[in-house]
Amino acid sequence: MYPDHTPQRSVEVHHPTPIPSPVAHSAPVVPVQPGTVPTVASIVLPDGRVVTGYAIDAVRPEPVAAKPAVSRAAVNVALGGVGFFAVCGGLLLLTSFIAALTAFIGQLIILAAVIFGGWIAVQVLGTSGQKGGTTVNIRRAVIKRNHFHG
């Protein structure tokens, strides 16, 4: 038990006294000795010291209930539903975009027609208004003033 190079010592084993736990109810507390006294374990450390204590069983957690397996068909149905709603949303956005684009192009056509129609109106009304007015030929007037007759 001891290494060869250390002198032997006497080992004194102490048995600890268990402390009863407090009871939460109002009944009188009667100390009860356990049916069996737990065994005391002693461990000798390499430097010769002895550690004594109760051996405690490790607390094992409750086994976790196994989750039920999800069927492959249920997964496929769920993914199919998500895909279907994604396609429906995409088509709704596409039709909204096409409607907005059509309205925009229609507005551009109307704007071009108004501008072009206004330009034509100015051309037609502008030439008919100048027929009754006086036309001045600057070159001829300058020549007459300087008395250049040709």
N, C-alpha and C. Protein backbone atom coordinates (compact mmCIF):
# COMPACT_ATOMS: atom_id res chain seq x y z
N MET A 1 0.81 -1.18 0.00
CA MET A 1 0.00 0.00 0.00
C MET A 1 0.87 1.27 0.00
N TYR A 2 1.93 1.29 0.78
CA TYR A 2 2.84 2.43 0.81
C TYR A 2 4.02 2.16 -0.10
N PRO A 3 4.58 3.21 -0.67
CA PRO A 3 5.82 3.00 -1.45
C PRO A 3 6.95 2.55 -0.53
N ASP A 4 7.95 1.92 -1.11
CA ASP A 4 9.04 1.35 -0.34
C ASP A 4 9.88 2.41 0.38
N HIS A 5 10.02 3.58 -0.15
CA HIS A 5 10.91 4.58 0.42
C HIS A 5 10.25 5.44 1.50
N THR A 6 8.96 5.29 1.78
CA THR A 6 8.32 6.08 2.83
C THR A 6 8.08 5.22 4.05
N PRO A 7 8.27 5.80 5.23
CA PRO A 7 8.01 5.00 6.45
C PRO A 7 6.52 4.79 6.63
N GLN A 8 6.16 3.70 7.27
CA GLN A 8 4.74 3.39 7.46
C GLN A 8 4.20 4.20 8.62
N ARG A 9 2.97 4.66 8.45
CA ARG A 9 2.30 5.43 9.48
C ARG A 9 1.01 4.72 9.83
N SER A 10 0.54 4.99 11.00
CA SER A 10 -0.74 4.39 11.37
C SER A 10 -1.84 5.28 10.79
N VAL A 11 -2.89 4.66 10.32
CA VAL A 11 -4.00 5.36 9.70
C VAL A 11 -5.19 5.29 10.64
N GLU A 12 -5.72 6.43 10.97
CA GLU A 12 -6.90 6.47 11.83
C GLU A 12 -8.09 6.82 10.95
N VAL A 13 -9.14 6.02 10.99
CA VAL A 13 -10.32 6.21 10.16
C VAL A 13 -11.40 6.83 11.02
N HIS A 14 -11.95 7.92 10.54
CA HIS A 14 -13.03 8.61 11.24
C HIS A 14 -14.34 8.33 10.50
N HIS A 15 -15.37 8.01 11.23
CA HIS A 15 -16.69 7.80 10.64
C HIS A 15 -17.52 9.05 10.92
N PRO A 16 -17.85 9.85 9.86
CA PRO A 16 -18.64 11.06 10.08
C PRO A 16 -20.07 10.71 10.49
N THR A 17 -20.66 11.59 11.29
CA THR A 17 -22.03 11.39 11.73
C THR A 17 -22.96 12.09 10.74
N PRO A 18 -23.96 11.38 10.17
CA PRO A 18 -24.85 12.05 9.21
C PRO A 18 -25.75 13.06 9.92
N ILE A 19 -26.01 14.20 9.24
CA ILE A 19 -26.86 15.26 9.78
C ILE A 19 -28.23 15.08 9.15
N PRO A 20 -29.28 15.00 9.98
CA PRO A 20 -30.61 14.84 9.39
C PRO A 20 -31.03 16.15 8.70
N SER A 21 -31.71 16.02 7.54
CA SER A 21 -32.15 17.20 6.80
C SER A 21 -33.42 17.74 7.43
N PRO A 22 -33.64 19.08 7.40
CA PRO A 22 -34.84 19.64 8.00
C PRO A 22 -36.08 19.24 7.19
N VAL A 23 -37.20 19.04 7.89
CA VAL A 23 -38.43 18.64 7.24
C VAL A 23 -39.30 19.88 7.08
N ALA A 24 -39.96 19.99 5.91
CA ALA A 24 -40.73 21.19 5.60
C ALA A 24 -42.14 21.16 6.17
N HIS A 25 -42.66 20.03 6.63
CA HIS A 25 -44.03 19.99 7.15
C HIS A 25 -44.04 20.17 8.65
N SER A 26 -45.24 20.30 9.22
CA SER A 26 -45.37 20.62 10.63
C SER A 26 -45.40 19.39 11.53
N ALA A 27 -45.22 18.22 11.00
CA ALA A 27 -45.22 17.02 11.83
C ALA A 27 -43.97 17.00 12.70
N PRO A 28 -44.01 16.36 13.85
CA PRO A 28 -42.82 16.32 14.71
C PRO A 28 -41.69 15.55 14.03
N VAL A 29 -40.49 16.03 14.22
CA VAL A 29 -39.32 15.43 13.59
C VAL A 29 -38.83 14.31 14.48
N VAL A 30 -38.79 13.13 13.89
CA VAL A 30 -38.28 11.97 14.61
C VAL A 30 -37.04 11.51 13.88
N PRO A 31 -35.88 11.53 14.56
CA PRO A 31 -34.67 11.07 13.86
C PRO A 31 -34.77 9.59 13.54
N VAL A 32 -34.43 9.26 12.31
CA VAL A 32 -34.47 7.88 11.86
C VAL A 32 -33.10 7.53 11.31
N GLN A 33 -32.56 6.44 11.78
CA GLN A 33 -31.27 5.97 11.28
C GLN A 33 -31.49 5.28 9.94
N PRO A 34 -30.60 5.53 8.99
CA PRO A 34 -30.75 4.82 7.71
C PRO A 34 -30.59 3.32 7.93
N GLY A 35 -31.20 2.57 7.01
CA GLY A 35 -31.14 1.11 7.11
C GLY A 35 -29.72 0.59 7.01
N THR A 36 -28.93 1.18 6.15
CA THR A 36 -27.53 0.78 6.02
C THR A 36 -26.67 2.02 6.12
N VAL A 37 -25.57 1.88 6.74
CA VAL A 37 -24.61 2.99 6.85
C VAL A 37 -23.74 2.94 5.60
N PRO A 38 -23.63 4.08 4.90
CA PRO A 38 -22.81 4.04 3.69
C PRO A 38 -21.36 3.76 4.03
N THR A 39 -20.71 3.13 3.10
CA THR A 39 -19.30 2.77 3.33
C THR A 39 -18.43 4.01 3.20
N VAL A 40 -17.39 4.00 3.98
CA VAL A 40 -16.44 5.11 3.96
C VAL A 40 -15.23 4.66 3.16
N ALA A 41 -14.83 5.51 2.20
CA ALA A 41 -13.67 5.18 1.36
C ALA A 41 -12.50 6.02 1.80
N SER A 42 -11.33 5.42 1.82
CA SER A 42 -10.10 6.14 2.15
C SER A 42 -9.15 6.02 0.99
N ILE A 43 -8.52 7.15 0.64
CA ILE A 43 -7.55 7.17 -0.45
C ILE A 43 -6.24 7.69 0.11
N VAL A 44 -5.15 7.01 -0.20
CA VAL A 44 -3.82 7.44 0.24
C VAL A 44 -3.19 8.20 -0.91
N LEU A 45 -2.82 9.45 -0.66
CA LEU A 45 -2.19 10.28 -1.68
C LEU A 45 -0.71 9.93 -1.78
N PRO A 46 -0.04 10.28 -2.87
CA PRO A 46 1.37 9.92 -3.04
C PRO A 46 2.28 10.50 -1.95
N ASP A 47 1.89 11.62 -1.34
CA ASP A 47 2.76 12.18 -0.30
C ASP A 47 2.48 11.58 1.07
N GLY A 48 1.59 10.59 1.16
CA GLY A 48 1.33 9.88 2.40
C GLY A 48 0.08 10.33 3.13
N ARG A 49 -0.57 11.42 2.71
CA ARG A 49 -1.79 11.86 3.38
C ARG A 49 -2.94 10.94 2.99
N VAL A 50 -3.92 10.83 3.90
CA VAL A 50 -5.07 9.97 3.67
C VAL A 50 -6.31 10.85 3.59
N VAL A 51 -7.10 10.65 2.54
CA VAL A 51 -8.35 11.38 2.37
C VAL A 51 -9.46 10.39 2.56
N THR A 52 -10.42 10.72 3.47
CA THR A 52 -11.50 9.81 3.80
C THR A 52 -12.83 10.48 3.48
N GLY A 53 -13.79 9.73 2.95
CA GLY A 53 -15.11 10.30 2.66
C GLY A 53 -16.06 9.23 2.18
N TYR A 54 -17.31 9.64 2.02
CA TYR A 54 -18.34 8.73 1.52
C TYR A 54 -18.19 8.57 0.02
N ALA A 55 -18.49 7.40 -0.44
CA ALA A 55 -18.53 7.16 -1.89
C ALA A 55 -19.92 7.57 -2.37
N ILE A 56 -19.99 8.47 -3.33
CA ILE A 56 -21.27 8.97 -3.83
C ILE A 56 -21.47 8.46 -5.24
N ASP A 57 -22.65 7.94 -5.48
CA ASP A 57 -22.98 7.51 -6.84
C ASP A 57 -23.23 8.75 -7.70
N ALA A 58 -22.76 8.69 -8.93
CA ALA A 58 -22.96 9.81 -9.85
C ALA A 58 -24.44 9.91 -10.20
N VAL A 59 -24.94 11.13 -10.25
CA VAL A 59 -26.34 11.34 -10.60
C VAL A 59 -26.48 11.22 -12.11
N ARG A 60 -27.34 10.34 -12.51
CA ARG A 60 -27.55 10.13 -13.95
C ARG A 60 -28.79 10.91 -14.37
N PRO A 61 -28.68 11.66 -15.47
CA PRO A 61 -29.84 12.43 -15.92
C PRO A 61 -30.92 11.50 -16.49
N GLU A 62 -32.14 12.02 -16.49
CA GLU A 62 -33.25 11.25 -17.06
C GLU A 62 -33.01 11.05 -18.55
N PRO A 63 -33.32 9.88 -19.06
CA PRO A 63 -33.13 9.69 -20.51
C PRO A 63 -34.11 10.58 -21.28
N VAL A 64 -33.61 11.18 -22.34
CA VAL A 64 -34.42 12.06 -23.16
C VAL A 64 -35.28 11.21 -24.08
N ALA A 65 -36.55 11.57 -24.13
CA ALA A 65 -37.46 10.83 -25.00
C ALA A 65 -37.07 11.08 -26.45
N ALA A 66 -37.04 10.02 -27.22
CA ALA A 66 -36.64 10.13 -28.63
C ALA A 66 -37.72 10.88 -29.40
N LYS A 67 -37.28 11.79 -30.26
CA LYS A 67 -38.23 12.54 -31.07
C LYS A 67 -38.77 11.63 -32.15
N PRO A 68 -40.06 11.76 -32.45
CA PRO A 68 -40.60 10.93 -33.52
C PRO A 68 -40.01 11.34 -34.86
N ALA A 69 -39.79 10.37 -35.70
CA ALA A 69 -39.21 10.64 -37.01
C ALA A 69 -40.25 11.36 -37.88
N VAL A 70 -39.78 12.32 -38.66
CA VAL A 70 -40.65 13.05 -39.58
C VAL A 70 -40.64 12.30 -40.91
N SER A 71 -41.83 12.04 -41.42
CA SER A 71 -41.90 11.27 -42.66
C SER A 71 -41.41 12.11 -43.83
N ARG A 72 -40.86 11.44 -44.80
CA ARG A 72 -40.33 12.10 -45.99
C ARG A 72 -41.44 12.77 -46.78
N ALA A 73 -42.62 12.14 -46.79
CA ALA A 73 -43.75 12.72 -47.53
C ALA A 73 -44.19 14.04 -46.89
N ALA A 74 -44.18 14.12 -45.55
CA ALA A 74 -44.57 15.36 -44.90
C ALA A 74 -43.59 16.48 -45.21
N VAL A 75 -42.32 16.16 -45.26
CA VAL A 75 -41.31 17.17 -45.60
C VAL A 75 -41.51 17.64 -47.03
N ASN A 76 -41.79 16.72 -47.94
CA ASN A 76 -41.99 17.09 -49.34
C ASN A 76 -43.24 17.95 -49.51
N VAL A 77 -44.30 17.63 -48.79
CA VAL A 77 -45.52 18.42 -48.89
C VAL A 77 -45.27 19.83 -48.36
N ALA A 78 -44.55 19.94 -47.24
CA ALA A 78 -44.27 21.26 -46.66
C ALA A 78 -43.40 22.09 -47.61
N LEU A 79 -42.37 21.48 -48.18
CA LEU A 79 -41.52 22.21 -49.11
C LEU A 79 -42.27 22.59 -50.37
N GLY A 80 -43.15 21.71 -50.82
CA GLY A 80 -43.96 22.02 -52.00
C GLY A 80 -44.89 23.20 -51.75
N GLY A 81 -45.48 23.25 -50.54
CA GLY A 81 -46.34 24.39 -50.20
C GLY A 81 -45.57 25.69 -50.16
N VAL A 82 -44.37 25.66 -49.57
CA VAL A 82 -43.55 26.87 -49.52
C VAL A 82 -43.17 27.31 -50.93
N GLY A 83 -42.80 26.37 -51.78
CA GLY A 83 -42.46 26.70 -53.16
C GLY A 83 -43.64 27.26 -53.93
N PHE A 84 -44.83 26.68 -53.71
CA PHE A 84 -46.03 27.15 -54.40
C PHE A 84 -46.33 28.59 -54.02
N PHE A 85 -46.27 28.91 -52.72
CA PHE A 85 -46.56 30.28 -52.30
C PHE A 85 -45.49 31.25 -52.77
N ALA A 86 -44.24 30.80 -52.87
CA ALA A 86 -43.19 31.67 -53.39
C ALA A 86 -43.43 31.99 -54.86
N VAL A 87 -43.85 30.98 -55.64
CA VAL A 87 -44.13 31.21 -57.06
C VAL A 87 -45.33 32.13 -57.21
N CYS A 88 -46.39 31.93 -56.41
CA CYS A 88 -47.57 32.80 -56.48
C CYS A 88 -47.20 34.24 -56.16
N GLY A 89 -46.40 34.44 -55.13
CA GLY A 89 -45.97 35.79 -54.80
C GLY A 89 -45.14 36.41 -55.90
N GLY A 90 -44.25 35.61 -56.51
CA GLY A 90 -43.44 36.12 -57.62
C GLY A 90 -44.29 36.51 -58.82
N LEU A 91 -45.31 35.69 -59.15
CA LEU A 91 -46.19 36.02 -60.27
C LEU A 91 -47.01 37.27 -59.98
N LEU A 92 -47.44 37.43 -58.72
CA LEU A 92 -48.18 38.63 -58.37
C LEU A 92 -47.30 39.87 -58.53
N LEU A 93 -46.05 39.79 -58.08
CA LEU A 93 -45.14 40.92 -58.25
C LEU A 93 -44.85 41.18 -59.73
N LEU A 94 -44.73 40.11 -60.51
CA LEU A 94 -44.44 40.26 -61.95
C LEU A 94 -45.61 40.96 -62.65
N THR A 95 -46.85 40.53 -62.36
CA THR A 95 -48.00 41.17 -63.01
C THR A 95 -48.13 42.63 -62.56
N SER A 96 -47.84 42.91 -61.30
CA SER A 96 -47.88 44.30 -60.83
C SER A 96 -46.83 45.13 -61.55
N PHE A 97 -45.65 44.57 -61.74
CA PHE A 97 -44.58 45.28 -62.45
C PHE A 97 -44.96 45.53 -63.90
N ILE A 98 -45.54 44.53 -64.55
CA ILE A 98 -45.94 44.69 -65.96
C ILE A 98 -47.03 45.75 -66.07
N ALA A 99 -48.01 45.76 -65.16
CA ALA A 99 -49.07 46.77 -65.19
C ALA A 99 -48.49 48.17 -65.00
N ALA A 100 -47.56 48.31 -64.06
CA ALA A 100 -46.95 49.62 -63.82
C ALA A 100 -46.13 50.06 -65.03
N LEU A 101 -45.41 49.15 -65.65
CA LEU A 101 -44.61 49.48 -66.83
C LEU A 101 -45.50 49.89 -67.99
N THR A 102 -46.63 49.20 -68.16
CA THR A 102 -47.57 49.54 -69.23
C THR A 102 -48.14 50.94 -69.00
N ALA A 103 -48.51 51.26 -67.77
CA ALA A 103 -49.04 52.58 -67.47
C ALA A 103 -47.98 53.66 -67.71
N PHE A 104 -46.74 53.37 -67.36
CA PHE A 104 -45.66 54.34 -67.58
C PHE A 104 -45.44 54.61 -69.06
N ILE A 105 -45.43 53.54 -69.86
CA ILE A 105 -45.24 53.70 -71.31
C ILE A 105 -46.41 54.47 -71.90
N GLY A 106 -47.64 54.19 -71.44
CA GLY A 106 -48.81 54.95 -71.91
C GLY A 106 -48.69 56.43 -71.59
N GLN A 107 -48.21 56.76 -70.40
CA GLN A 107 -48.03 58.17 -70.04
C GLN A 107 -46.96 58.83 -70.91
N LEU A 108 -45.89 58.09 -71.22
CA LEU A 108 -44.86 58.66 -72.10
C LEU A 108 -45.41 58.92 -73.50
N ILE A 109 -46.26 58.02 -74.01
CA ILE A 109 -46.85 58.21 -75.34
C ILE A 109 -47.76 59.44 -75.33
N ILE A 110 -48.56 59.59 -74.29
CA ILE A 110 -49.45 60.76 -74.20
C ILE A 110 -48.63 62.04 -74.10
N LEU A 111 -47.55 62.03 -73.32
CA LEU A 111 -46.70 63.21 -73.19
C LEU A 111 -46.07 63.57 -74.53
N ALA A 112 -45.58 62.56 -75.27
CA ALA A 112 -44.99 62.82 -76.59
C ALA A 112 -46.04 63.38 -77.55
N ALA A 113 -47.27 62.87 -77.49
CA ALA A 113 -48.33 63.36 -78.38
C ALA A 113 -48.67 64.82 -78.05
N VAL A 114 -48.72 65.17 -76.78
CA VAL A 114 -49.02 66.55 -76.40
C VAL A 114 -47.91 67.49 -76.87
N ILE A 115 -46.66 67.10 -76.66
CA ILE A 115 -45.54 67.96 -77.08
C ILE A 115 -45.50 68.09 -78.60
N PHE A 116 -45.64 66.98 -79.31
CA PHE A 116 -45.59 67.02 -80.77
C PHE A 116 -46.79 67.79 -81.32
N GLY A 117 -47.97 67.59 -80.71
CA GLY A 117 -49.15 68.33 -81.15
C GLY A 117 -49.00 69.82 -80.93
N GLY A 118 -48.42 70.19 -79.82
CA GLY A 118 -48.17 71.62 -79.56
C GLY A 118 -47.19 72.21 -80.55
N TRP A 119 -46.17 71.46 -80.89
CA TRP A 119 -45.18 71.96 -81.87
C TRP A 119 -45.85 72.16 -83.23
N ILE A 120 -46.69 71.19 -83.63
CA ILE A 120 -47.40 71.32 -84.91
C ILE A 120 -48.34 72.52 -84.87
N ALA A 121 -49.05 72.73 -83.77
CA ALA A 121 -49.97 73.86 -83.66
C ALA A 121 -49.22 75.18 -83.79
N VAL A 122 -48.04 75.28 -83.18
CA VAL A 122 -47.25 76.50 -83.28
C VAL A 122 -46.82 76.72 -84.72
N GLN A 123 -46.44 75.67 -85.42
CA GLN A 123 -46.00 75.81 -86.81
C GLN A 123 -47.16 76.25 -87.71
N VAL A 124 -48.32 75.64 -87.53
CA VAL A 124 -49.45 75.97 -88.39
C VAL A 124 -49.97 77.38 -88.09
N LEU A 125 -50.18 77.66 -86.82
CA LEU A 125 -50.72 78.97 -86.47
C LEU A 125 -49.69 80.08 -86.64
N GLY A 126 -48.44 79.79 -86.49
CA GLY A 126 -47.40 80.81 -86.61
C GLY A 126 -47.22 81.28 -88.04
N THR A 127 -47.29 80.44 -89.04
CA THR A 127 -47.09 80.84 -90.44
C THR A 127 -48.32 81.56 -90.98
N SER A 128 -49.49 81.21 -90.56
CA SER A 128 -50.68 81.89 -91.08
C SER A 128 -50.80 83.29 -90.49
N GLY A 129 -50.28 83.53 -89.33
CA GLY A 129 -50.36 84.86 -88.72
C GLY A 129 -49.40 85.84 -89.36
N GLN A 130 -48.29 85.42 -89.97
CA GLN A 130 -47.30 86.32 -90.56
C GLN A 130 -47.68 86.77 -91.98
N LYS A 131 -48.67 86.22 -92.61
CA LYS A 131 -49.04 86.59 -93.99
C LYS A 131 -49.54 88.04 -94.07
N GLY A 132 -50.21 88.52 -93.08
CA GLY A 132 -50.74 89.88 -93.12
C GLY A 132 -49.74 90.91 -92.61
N GLY A 133 -48.61 90.54 -92.08
CA GLY A 133 -47.66 91.49 -91.51
C GLY A 133 -46.69 92.03 -92.53
N THR A 134 -45.80 92.92 -92.11
CA THR A 134 -44.83 93.54 -92.99
C THR A 134 -43.53 92.77 -92.91
N THR A 135 -42.99 92.40 -94.05
CA THR A 135 -41.73 91.69 -94.10
C THR A 135 -40.64 92.67 -94.47
N VAL A 136 -39.55 92.69 -93.73
CA VAL A 136 -38.46 93.64 -93.96
C VAL A 136 -37.27 92.85 -94.44
N ASN A 137 -36.74 93.23 -95.56
CA ASN A 137 -35.53 92.60 -96.06
C ASN A 137 -34.38 93.50 -95.67
N ILE A 138 -33.59 93.09 -94.72
CA ILE A 138 -32.54 93.95 -94.16
C ILE A 138 -31.49 94.27 -95.21
N ARG A 139 -31.14 93.36 -96.02
CA ARG A 139 -30.09 93.59 -97.00
C ARG A 139 -30.51 94.68 -97.99
N ARG A 140 -31.74 94.62 -98.43
CA ARG A 140 -32.22 95.62 -99.37
C ARG A 140 -32.30 97.00 -98.70
N ALA A 141 -32.73 96.99 -97.41
CA ALA A 141 -32.85 98.27 -96.72
C ALA A 141 -31.49 98.91 -96.53
N VAL A 142 -30.49 98.13 -96.23
CA VAL A 142 -29.15 98.68 -96.04
C VAL A 142 -28.63 99.22 -97.36
N ILE A 143 -28.86 98.51 -98.40
CA ILE A 143 -28.37 98.96 -99.71
C ILE A 143 -29.09 100.26 -100.10
N LYS A 144 -30.38 100.37 -99.88
CA LYS A 144 -31.10 101.60 -100.23
C LYS A 144 -30.60 102.76 -99.37
N ARG A 145 -30.32 102.57 -98.17
CA ARG A 145 -29.91 103.65 -97.31
C ARG A 145 -28.55 104.21 -97.73
N ASN A 146 -27.67 103.31 -98.15
CA ASN A 146 -26.34 103.73 -98.56
C ASN A 146 -26.31 104.12 -100.04
N HIS A 147 -27.41 104.10 -100.67
CA HIS A 147 -27.60 104.47 -102.06
C HIS A 147 -26.82 103.57 -103.00
N PHE A 148 -26.77 102.32 -102.66
CA PHE A 148 -26.15 101.37 -103.59
C PHE A 148 -27.29 100.78 -104.40
N HIS A 149 -27.39 101.10 -105.63
CA HIS A 149 -28.42 100.54 -106.47
C HIS A 149 -27.77 99.58 -107.45
N GLY A 150 -28.34 98.52 -107.57
CA GLY A 150 -27.69 97.60 -108.44
C GLY A 150 -28.46 97.16 -109.54
